Amino acid sequence: MIEEKKRPNNIQNKSRLIRIHPTWYTFIKYCEALKFGELEKLKIQDGLPLLAEEVKKKVMFTEEKIK
């Protein structure tokens, strides 16, 4: 039987806020907007995303889009 670890009452049912650096936030929002694709050679400097040297997007060719 697996024992569940119980949290102290003051921690239960509370959401935590995480502080994130604006550079990471910008990178995450970019990834969300990209939806599909690849980032190659992501450069990280001082623990922060600096740049992606190349960005590729996948283009799906279906009969619906060709018509």
C-alpha atoms as a PDB file:
ATOM      1  CA  MET A   1       0.000   0.000   0.000  1.00  0.00           C
ATOM      2  CA  ILE A   2       1.322   3.453  -0.918  1.00  0.00           C
ATOM      3  CA  GLU A   3       1.263   6.009   1.844  1.00  0.00           C
ATOM      4  CA  GLU A   4       0.176   9.511   0.939  1.00  0.00           C
ATOM      5  CA  LYS A   5       2.209  12.366   2.303  1.00  0.00           C
ATOM      6  CA  LYS A   6      -0.038  14.953   3.857  1.00  0.00           C
ATOM      7  CA  ARG A   7       0.651  18.640   3.599  1.00  0.00           C
ATOM      8  CA  PRO A   8       0.292  20.939   6.574  1.00  0.00           C
ATOM      9  CA  ASN A   9      -3.166  22.545   6.737  1.00  0.00           C
ATOM     10  CA  ASN A  10      -1.844  26.013   5.908  1.00  0.00           C
ATOM     11  CA  ILE A  11      -0.514  24.821   2.496  1.00  0.00           C
ATOM     12  CA  GLN A  12      -3.489  22.772   1.308  1.00  0.00           C
ATOM     13  CA  ASN A  13      -5.727  24.207  -1.412  1.00  0.00           C
ATOM     14  CA  LYS A  14      -3.594  27.293  -2.005  1.00  0.00           C
ATOM     15  CA  SER A  15      -2.134  28.091  -5.387  1.00  0.00           C
ATOM     16  CA  ARG A  16       1.451  29.255  -5.548  1.00  0.00           C
ATOM     17  CA  LEU A  17       2.679  32.217  -7.554  1.00  0.00           C
ATOM     18  CA  ILE A  18       6.000  31.825  -9.289  1.00  0.00           C
ATOM     19  CA  ARG A  19       8.111  34.825 -10.189  1.00  0.00           C
ATOM     20  CA  ILE A  20       9.537  34.474 -13.665  1.00  0.00           C
ATOM     21  CA  HIS A  21      12.110  36.667 -15.377  1.00  0.00           C
ATOM     22  CA  PRO A  22      10.641  38.807 -18.189  1.00  0.00           C
ATOM     23  CA  THR A  23      13.010  37.159 -20.688  1.00  0.00           C
ATOM     24  CA  TRP A  24      11.650  33.690 -19.854  1.00  0.00           C
ATOM     25  CA  TYR A  25       8.099  35.047 -20.066  1.00  0.00           C
ATOM     26  CA  THR A  26       8.816  36.467 -23.534  1.00  0.00           C
ATOM     27  CA  PHE A  27      10.319  33.144 -24.640  1.00  0.00           C
ATOM     28  CA  ILE A  28       7.310  31.176 -23.357  1.00  0.00           C
ATOM     29  CA  LYS A  29       4.866  33.528 -25.093  1.00  0.00           C
ATOM     30  CA  TYR A  30       6.863  33.161 -28.332  1.00  0.00           C
ATOM     31  CA  CYS A  31       6.651  29.372 -28.080  1.00  0.00           C
ATOM     32  CA  GLU A  32       2.893  29.599 -27.526  1.00  0.00           C
ATOM     33  CA  ALA A  33       2.509  31.802 -30.605  1.00  0.00           C
ATOM     34  CA  LEU A  34       4.689  29.494 -32.708  1.00  0.00           C
ATOM     35  CA  LYS A  35       2.287  26.569 -32.103  1.00  0.00           C
ATOM     36  CA  PHE A  36       4.213  24.221 -34.446  1.00  0.00           C
ATOM     37  CA  GLY A  37       7.851  24.372 -35.419  1.00  0.00           C
ATOM     38  CA  GLU A  38      11.393  23.901 -34.240  1.00  0.00           C
ATOM     39  CA  LEU A  39      13.869  26.069 -32.408  1.00  0.00           C
ATOM     40  CA  GLU A  40      17.454  25.160 -33.163  1.00  0.00           C
ATOM     41  CA  LYS A  41      20.543  26.096 -31.200  1.00  0.00           C
ATOM     42  CA  LEU A  42      18.847  27.934 -28.367  1.00  0.00           C
ATOM     43  CA  LYS A  43      21.439  30.132 -26.685  1.00  0.00           C
ATOM     44  CA  ILE A  44      21.239  30.491 -22.911  1.00  0.00           C
ATOM     45  CA  GLN A  45      23.306  33.111 -21.113  1.00  0.00           C
ATOM     46  CA  ASP A  46      23.319  33.697 -17.365  1.00  0.00           C
ATOM     47  CA  GLY A  47      20.425  31.238 -17.075  1.00  0.00           C
ATOM     48  CA  LEU A  48      18.216  33.174 -19.490  1.00  0.00           C
ATOM     49  CA  PRO A  49      17.244  32.445 -23.107  1.00  0.00           C
ATOM     50  CA  LEU A  50      19.270  34.730 -25.329  1.00  0.00           C
ATOM     51  CA  LEU A  51      18.345  33.777 -28.889  1.00  0.00           C
ATOM     52  CA  ALA A  52      17.483  30.954 -31.252  1.00  0.00           C
ATOM     53  CA  GLU A  53      19.723  30.975 -34.300  1.00  0.00           C
ATOM     54  CA  GLU A  54      17.193  29.368 -36.578  1.00  0.00           C
ATOM     55  CA  VAL A  55      13.449  28.989 -36.474  1.00  0.00           C
ATOM     56  CA  LYS A  56      11.612  26.551 -38.746  1.00  0.00           C
ATOM     57  CA  LYS A  57       7.877  26.242 -39.106  1.00  0.00           C
ATOM     58  CA  LYS A  58       6.133  23.129 -40.288  1.00  0.00           C
ATOM     59  CA  VAL A  59       3.676  23.668 -43.099  1.00  0.00           C
ATOM     60  CA  MET A  60       1.026  20.991 -43.470  1.00  0.00           C
ATOM     61  CA  PHE A  61      -0.199  20.405 -47.005  1.00  0.00           C
ATOM     62  CA  THR A  62      -3.628  18.845 -46.997  1.00  0.00           C
ATOM     63  CA  GLU A  63      -6.161  18.652 -49.778  1.00  0.00           C
ATOM     64  CA  GLU A  64      -8.360  21.136 -47.951  1.00  0.00           C
ATOM     65  CA  LYS A  65      -5.663  23.794 -47.994  1.00  0.00           C
ATOM     66  CA  ILE A  66      -4.683  23.173 -51.636  1.00  0.00           C
ATOM     67  CA  LYS A  67      -8.189  23.826 -52.986  1.00  0.00           C
END
